Amino acid sequence: MSRWEPGAAERLQAAALDLFVEHGFAAVTVPQITARAGLTTRTFFRHFPDKREVLFTGEGALPAVITQVFAEASPALTPMQVITKGLCEVVAPRFDGLRDYLRLRRGGVLSDEGLRERELRKRALIAEAAAAGFRDRGLSDLEASLAAQMAAAIIDTAVSRWLDEQTDRALADVILETSLALEKMIKTG
């Protein structure tokens, strides 16, 4: 085995996801992951502090992505326009080419209660960052919190629907449809 194998993190992720789906998260060990990837345990721990982190790589970048949504939003946009435009133009492109990976990841997360809780933590990070962005745009704490929760609900719902679909429809289209459905529901009560 090469000491500095190119693409090691990606290989470890792929191996871990396959094993999590096959056996469930709790039954898989780091040595099993590294054996499947053809790498060493030491290499695993150079990339990930534990096996959970294989599924949550990039979580730390979420606040920066949300900050980018607000930085690129015109001051004239309504909160719902900020949400829809930001999710379609800033967030959705980050999912390009990842649908199969995200389906496997979702299977791994759903296989373990602790991972499902961790996924909720990720949603809370998104909502916290969005609430701060809305407060910076002049919304009250209540309005910012509600808008942030709507943003988190829209992206969660849209991504889930997108992963369930057997079409090649773009995530941005599903986000727009989800956002419009929520707006309609709010208006019609």
C-alpha atoms as a PDB file:
ATOM      1  CA  MET A   1       0.000   0.000   0.000  1.00  0.00           C
ATOM      2  CA  SER A   2       1.189   3.459  -0.866  1.00  0.00           C
ATOM      3  CA  ARG A   3       1.782   5.728   2.102  1.00  0.00           C
ATOM      4  CA  TRP A   4       0.115   8.765   0.486  1.00  0.00           C
ATOM      5  CA  GLU A   5      -2.597   7.216  -1.615  1.00  0.00           C
ATOM      6  CA  PRO A   6      -4.408   9.785  -3.814  1.00  0.00           C
ATOM      7  CA  GLY A   7      -8.161   9.914  -3.251  1.00  0.00           C
ATOM      8  CA  ALA A   8      -7.887   8.087   0.055  1.00  0.00           C
ATOM      9  CA  ALA A   9     -10.662  10.051   1.774  1.00  0.00           C
ATOM     10  CA  GLU A  10     -13.067   9.406  -1.086  1.00  0.00           C
ATOM     11  CA  ARG A  11     -12.192   5.707  -1.157  1.00  0.00           C
ATOM     12  CA  LEU A  12     -12.737   5.465   2.587  1.00  0.00           C
ATOM     13  CA  GLN A  13     -16.093   7.214   2.269  1.00  0.00           C
ATOM     14  CA  ALA A  14     -17.219   4.904  -0.520  1.00  0.00           C
ATOM     15  CA  ALA A  15     -16.135   1.802   1.392  1.00  0.00           C
ATOM     16  CA  ALA A  16     -17.794   2.999   4.591  1.00  0.00           C
ATOM     17  CA  LEU A  17     -21.065   3.826   2.853  1.00  0.00           C
ATOM     18  CA  ASP A  18     -21.189   0.435   1.171  1.00  0.00           C
ATOM     19  CA  LEU A  19     -20.549  -1.316   4.473  1.00  0.00           C
ATOM     20  CA  PHE A  20     -23.048   0.846   6.396  1.00  0.00           C
ATOM     21  CA  VAL A  21     -25.756   0.005   3.871  1.00  0.00           C
ATOM     22  CA  GLU A  22     -24.853  -3.710   3.852  1.00  0.00           C
ATOM     23  CA  HIS A  23     -24.480  -4.239   7.606  1.00  0.00           C
ATOM     24  CA  GLY A  24     -25.806  -1.156   9.386  1.00  0.00           C
ATOM     25  CA  PHE A  25     -23.670   1.559  10.910  1.00  0.00           C
ATOM     26  CA  ALA A  26     -23.236  -0.026  14.347  1.00  0.00           C
ATOM     27  CA  ALA A  27     -21.944  -3.334  12.965  1.00  0.00           C
ATOM     28  CA  VAL A  28     -19.146  -1.786  10.888  1.00  0.00           C
ATOM     29  CA  THR A  29     -15.651  -1.200  12.267  1.00  0.00           C
ATOM     30  CA  VAL A  30     -12.903   1.112  11.074  1.00  0.00           C
ATOM     31  CA  PRO A  31     -10.655  -1.880  10.190  1.00  0.00           C
ATOM     32  CA  GLN A  32     -13.462  -3.246   7.989  1.00  0.00           C
ATOM     33  CA  ILE A  33     -13.735   0.110   6.234  1.00  0.00           C
ATOM     34  CA  THR A  34      -9.999   0.344   5.642  1.00  0.00           C
ATOM     35  CA  ALA A  35      -9.789  -3.257   4.438  1.00  0.00           C
ATOM     36  CA  ARG A  36     -12.598  -2.605   1.932  1.00  0.00           C
ATOM     37  CA  ALA A  37     -10.833   0.588   0.757  1.00  0.00           C
ATOM     38  CA  GLY A  38      -7.435  -1.126   0.585  1.00  0.00           C
ATOM     39  CA  LEU A  39      -5.941   1.385   3.011  1.00  0.00           C
ATOM     40  CA  THR A  40      -4.604   1.387   6.557  1.00  0.00           C
ATOM     41  CA  THR A  41      -6.386   2.282   9.764  1.00  0.00           C
ATOM     42  CA  ARG A  42      -3.812   5.011  10.249  1.00  0.00           C
ATOM     43  CA  THR A  43      -4.834   6.515   6.912  1.00  0.00           C
ATOM     44  CA  PHE A  44      -8.471   6.462   8.044  1.00  0.00           C
ATOM     45  CA  PHE A  45      -7.672   8.445  11.180  1.00  0.00           C
ATOM     46  CA  ARG A  46      -5.627  10.924   9.191  1.00  0.00           C
ATOM     47  CA  HIS A  47      -8.844  11.833   7.349  1.00  0.00           C
ATOM     48  CA  PHE A  48     -11.596  11.193   9.906  1.00  0.00           C
ATOM     49  CA  PRO A  49     -11.646  11.296  13.719  1.00  0.00           C
ATOM     50  CA  ASP A  50     -14.185   8.426  13.806  1.00  0.00           C
ATOM     51  CA  LYS A  51     -16.507   6.488  11.531  1.00  0.00           C
ATOM     52  CA  ARG A  52     -19.427   8.897  12.100  1.00  0.00           C
ATOM     53  CA  GLU A  53     -17.488  11.691  10.441  1.00  0.00           C
ATOM     54  CA  VAL A  54     -17.425   9.777   7.158  1.00  0.00           C
ATOM     55  CA  LEU A  55     -21.112  10.673   6.850  1.00  0.00           C
ATOM     56  CA  PHE A  56     -20.767  14.267   8.021  1.00  0.00           C
ATOM     57  CA  THR A  57     -17.760  15.493   6.083  1.00  0.00           C
ATOM     58  CA  GLY A  58     -18.240  19.120   5.185  1.00  0.00           C
ATOM     59  CA  GLU A  59     -20.662  19.852   8.007  1.00  0.00           C
ATOM     60  CA  GLY A  60     -18.323  22.561   9.262  1.00  0.00           C
ATOM     61  CA  ALA A  61     -18.652  24.405   5.951  1.00  0.00           C
ATOM     62  CA  LEU A  62     -22.437  24.819   6.293  1.00  0.00           C
ATOM     63  CA  PRO A  63     -22.368  28.199   8.060  1.00  0.00           C
ATOM     64  CA  ALA A  64     -20.078  29.591   5.337  1.00  0.00           C
ATOM     65  CA  VAL A  65     -22.453  28.368   2.627  1.00  0.00           C
ATOM     66  CA  ILE A  66     -25.385  30.031   4.371  1.00  0.00           C
ATOM     67  CA  THR A  67     -23.327  33.221   4.790  1.00  0.00           C
ATOM     68  CA  GLN A  68     -22.711  33.121   1.025  1.00  0.00           C
ATOM     69  CA  VAL A  69     -26.473  32.892   0.409  1.00  0.00           C
ATOM     70  CA  PHE A  70     -26.997  36.117   2.321  1.00  0.00           C
ATOM     71  CA  ALA A  71     -23.938  37.856   0.868  1.00  0.00           C
ATOM     72  CA  GLU A  72     -25.248  37.257  -2.657  1.00  0.00           C
ATOM     73  CA  ALA A  73     -28.859  38.235  -1.871  1.00  0.00           C
ATOM     74  CA  SER A  74     -30.086  41.613  -2.993  1.00  0.00           C
ATOM     75  CA  PRO A  75     -31.376  43.773  -0.111  1.00  0.00           C
ATOM     76  CA  ALA A  76     -34.639  44.187  -2.068  1.00  0.00           C
ATOM     77  CA  LEU A  77     -35.532  40.484  -1.814  1.00  0.00           C
ATOM     78  CA  THR A  78     -38.203  39.258   0.587  1.00  0.00           C
ATOM     79  CA  PRO A  79     -37.204  36.549   3.068  1.00  0.00           C
ATOM     80  CA  MET A  80     -38.895  33.862   0.937  1.00  0.00           C
ATOM     81  CA  GLN A  81     -37.092  35.151  -2.161  1.00  0.00           C
ATOM     82  CA  VAL A  82     -33.776  35.025  -0.290  1.00  0.00           C
ATOM     83  CA  ILE A  83     -34.513  31.439   0.707  1.00  0.00           C
ATOM     84  CA  THR A  84     -35.588  30.271  -2.730  1.00  0.00           C
ATOM     85  CA  LYS A  85     -32.910  32.103  -4.697  1.00  0.00           C
ATOM     86  CA  GLY A  86     -30.168  31.140  -2.250  1.00  0.00           C
ATOM     87  CA  LEU A  87     -31.118  27.480  -2.123  1.00  0.00           C
ATOM     88  CA  CYS A  88     -31.461  27.267  -5.907  1.00  0.00           C
ATOM     89  CA  GLU A  89     -28.366  29.255  -6.860  1.00  0.00           C
ATOM     90  CA  VAL A  90     -25.900  28.660  -4.024  1.00  0.00           C
ATOM     91  CA  VAL A  91     -26.881  25.400  -2.333  1.00  0.00           C
ATOM     92  CA  ALA A  92     -28.293  23.220  -5.148  1.00  0.00           C
ATOM     93  CA  PRO A  93     -25.150  23.364  -7.330  1.00  0.00           C
ATOM     94  CA  ARG A  94     -23.184  21.825  -4.452  1.00  0.00           C
ATOM     95  CA  PHE A  95     -25.301  18.670  -4.892  1.00  0.00           C
ATOM     96  CA  ASP A  96     -24.490  18.283  -8.607  1.00  0.00           C
ATOM     97  CA  GLY A  97     -23.242  14.784  -9.353  1.00  0.00           C
ATOM     98  CA  LEU A  98     -23.821  13.579  -5.783  1.00  0.00           C
ATOM     99  CA  ARG A  99     -27.267  12.017  -6.011  1.00  0.00           C
ATOM    100  CA  ASP A 100     -26.099   8.385  -5.841  1.00  0.00           C
ATOM    101  CA  TYR A 101     -23.686   9.161  -3.004  1.00  0.00           C
ATOM    102  CA  LEU A 102     -26.401  11.052  -1.105  1.00  0.00           C
ATOM    103  CA  ARG A 103     -28.824   8.150  -1.487  1.00  0.00           C
ATOM    104  CA  LEU A 104     -26.249   5.794   0.019  1.00  0.00           C
ATOM    105  CA  ARG A 105     -25.422   8.326   2.737  1.00  0.00           C
ATOM    106  CA  ARG A 106     -29.092   8.659   3.635  1.00  0.00           C
ATOM    107  CA  GLY A 107     -29.313   4.872   3.976  1.00  0.00           C
ATOM    108  CA  GLY A 108     -26.338   4.909   6.329  1.00  0.00           C
ATOM    109  CA  VAL A 109     -27.769   7.736   8.423  1.00  0.00           C
ATOM    110  CA  LEU A 110     -31.183   6.098   8.660  1.00  0.00           C
ATOM    111  CA  SER A 111     -29.589   2.873   9.900  1.00  0.00           C
ATOM    112  CA  ASP A 112     -28.626   4.390  13.260  1.00  0.00           C
ATOM    113  CA  GLU A 113     -30.548   6.486  15.789  1.00  0.00           C
ATOM    114  CA  GLY A 114     -27.455   8.445  16.810  1.00  0.00           C
ATOM    115  CA  LEU A 115     -26.776   9.355  13.189  1.00  0.00           C
ATOM    116  CA  ARG A 116     -30.359  10.509  12.732  1.00  0.00           C
ATOM    117  CA  GLU A 117     -29.860  12.776  15.751  1.00  0.00           C
ATOM    118  CA  ARG A 118     -26.618  14.059  14.264  1.00  0.00           C
ATOM    119  CA  GLU A 119     -28.470  14.823  11.019  1.00  0.00           C
ATOM    120  CA  LEU A 120     -30.888  16.939  13.062  1.00  0.00           C
ATOM    121  CA  ARG A 121     -27.885  18.786  14.490  1.00  0.00           C
ATOM    122  CA  LYS A 122     -26.803  19.572  10.948  1.00  0.00           C
ATOM    123  CA  ARG A 123     -30.251  20.994  10.251  1.00  0.00           C
ATOM    124  CA  ALA A 124     -29.972  23.109  13.402  1.00  0.00           C
ATOM    125  CA  LEU A 125     -26.623  24.507  12.193  1.00  0.00           C
ATOM    126  CA  ILE A 126     -28.268  25.545   8.934  1.00  0.00           C
ATOM    127  CA  ALA A 127     -31.164  27.183  10.776  1.00  0.00           C
ATOM    128  CA  GLU A 128     -28.852  29.015  13.193  1.00  0.00           C
ATOM    129  CA  ALA A 129     -26.741  30.429  10.375  1.00  0.00           C
ATOM    130  CA  ALA A 130     -29.841  31.416   8.400  1.00  0.00           C
ATOM    131  CA  ALA A 131     -31.407  33.102  11.443  1.00  0.00           C
ATOM    132  CA  ALA A 132     -28.259  35.182  11.902  1.00  0.00           C
ATOM    133  CA  GLY A 133     -28.386  36.148   8.226  1.00  0.00           C
ATOM    134  CA  PHE A 134     -32.026  37.181   8.473  1.00  0.00           C
ATOM    135  CA  ARG A 135     -31.366  39.207  11.632  1.00  0.00           C
ATOM    136  CA  ASP A 136     -28.551  40.982   9.781  1.00  0.00           C
ATOM    137  CA  ARG A 137     -31.109  41.858   7.094  1.00  0.00           C
ATOM    138  CA  GLY A 138     -33.262  43.563   9.729  1.00  0.00           C
ATOM    139  CA  LEU A 139     -35.762  40.892  10.699  1.00  0.00           C
ATOM    140  CA  SER A 140     -36.797  40.582  14.333  1.00  0.00           C
ATOM    141  CA  ASP A 141     -35.612  37.551  16.295  1.00  0.00           C
ATOM    142  CA  LEU A 142     -39.017  35.894  15.837  1.00  0.00           C
ATOM    143  CA  GLU A 143     -39.170  36.609  12.100  1.00  0.00           C
ATOM    144  CA  ALA A 144     -35.556  35.512  11.602  1.00  0.00           C
ATOM    145  CA  SER A 145     -36.178  32.275  13.477  1.00  0.00           C
ATOM    146  CA  LEU A 146     -39.320  31.495  11.484  1.00  0.00           C
ATOM    147  CA  ALA A 147     -37.658  32.306   8.149  1.00  0.00           C
ATOM    148  CA  ALA A 148     -34.646  30.171   9.067  1.00  0.00           C
ATOM    149  CA  GLN A 149     -36.849  27.216  10.003  1.00  0.00           C
ATOM    150  CA  MET A 150     -38.699  27.598   6.694  1.00  0.00           C
ATOM    151  CA  ALA A 151     -35.365  27.545   4.833  1.00  0.00           C
ATOM    152  CA  ALA A 152     -34.283  24.390   6.666  1.00  0.00           C
ATOM    153  CA  ALA A 153     -37.659  22.733   6.035  1.00  0.00           C
ATOM    154  CA  ILE A 154     -37.545  23.602   2.340  1.00  0.00           C
ATOM    155  CA  ILE A 155     -34.055  22.216   1.782  1.00  0.00           C
ATOM    156  CA  ASP A 156     -34.758  19.071   3.847  1.00  0.00           C
ATOM    157  CA  THR A 157     -38.020  18.396   2.043  1.00  0.00           C
ATOM    158  CA  ALA A 158     -36.636  19.191  -1.404  1.00  0.00           C
ATOM    159  CA  VAL A 159     -33.530  17.042  -1.006  1.00  0.00           C
ATOM    160  CA  SER A 160     -35.577  14.131   0.342  1.00  0.00           C
ATOM    161  CA  ARG A 161     -38.015  14.377  -2.576  1.00  0.00           C
ATOM    162  CA  TRP A 162     -35.141  14.721  -5.066  1.00  0.00           C
ATOM    163  CA  LEU A 163     -33.427  11.603  -3.710  1.00  0.00           C
ATOM    164  CA  ASP A 164     -36.694   9.651  -3.872  1.00  0.00           C
ATOM    165  CA  GLU A 165     -37.364  10.600  -7.504  1.00  0.00           C
ATOM    166  CA  GLN A 166     -36.313   8.311 -10.308  1.00  0.00           C
ATOM    167  CA  THR A 167     -35.912  11.205 -12.767  1.00  0.00           C
ATOM    168  CA  ASP A 168     -33.009  13.419 -13.768  1.00  0.00           C
ATOM    169  CA  ARG A 169     -34.772  16.540 -12.551  1.00  0.00           C
ATOM    170  CA  ALA A 170     -32.437  19.167 -11.129  1.00  0.00           C
ATOM    171  CA  LEU A 171     -32.475  19.777  -7.387  1.00  0.00           C
ATOM    172  CA  ALA A 172     -33.053  23.488  -8.022  1.00  0.00           C
ATOM    173  CA  ASP A 173     -36.353  22.619  -9.745  1.00  0.00           C
ATOM    174  CA  VAL A 174     -37.460  20.564  -6.742  1.00  0.00           C
ATOM    175  CA  ILE A 175     -36.434  23.372  -4.374  1.00  0.00           C
ATOM    176  CA  LEU A 176     -38.460  25.896  -6.393  1.00  0.00           C
ATOM    177  CA  GLU A 177     -41.496  23.602  -6.452  1.00  0.00           C
ATOM    178  CA  THR A 178     -41.203  22.981  -2.693  1.00  0.00           C
ATOM    179  CA  SER A 179     -40.822  26.675  -1.940  1.00  0.00           C
ATOM    180  CA  LEU A 180     -43.841  27.580  -4.081  1.00  0.00           C
ATOM    181  CA  ALA A 181     -45.933  24.882  -2.367  1.00  0.00           C
ATOM    182  CA  LEU A 182     -45.028  26.316   1.047  1.00  0.00           C
ATOM    183  CA  GLU A 183     -45.842  29.864  -0.069  1.00  0.00           C
ATOM    184  CA  LYS A 184     -49.201  28.719  -1.444  1.00  0.00           C
ATOM    185  CA  MET A 185     -49.995  26.855   1.758  1.00  0.00           C
ATOM    186  CA  ILE A 186     -49.173  29.935   3.857  1.00  0.00           C
ATOM    187  CA  LYS A 187     -51.308  32.212   1.685  1.00  0.00           C
ATOM    188  CA  THR A 188     -54.325  29.922   1.559  1.00  0.00           C
ATOM    189  CA  GLY A 189     -54.062  28.790   5.162  1.00  0.00           C
END
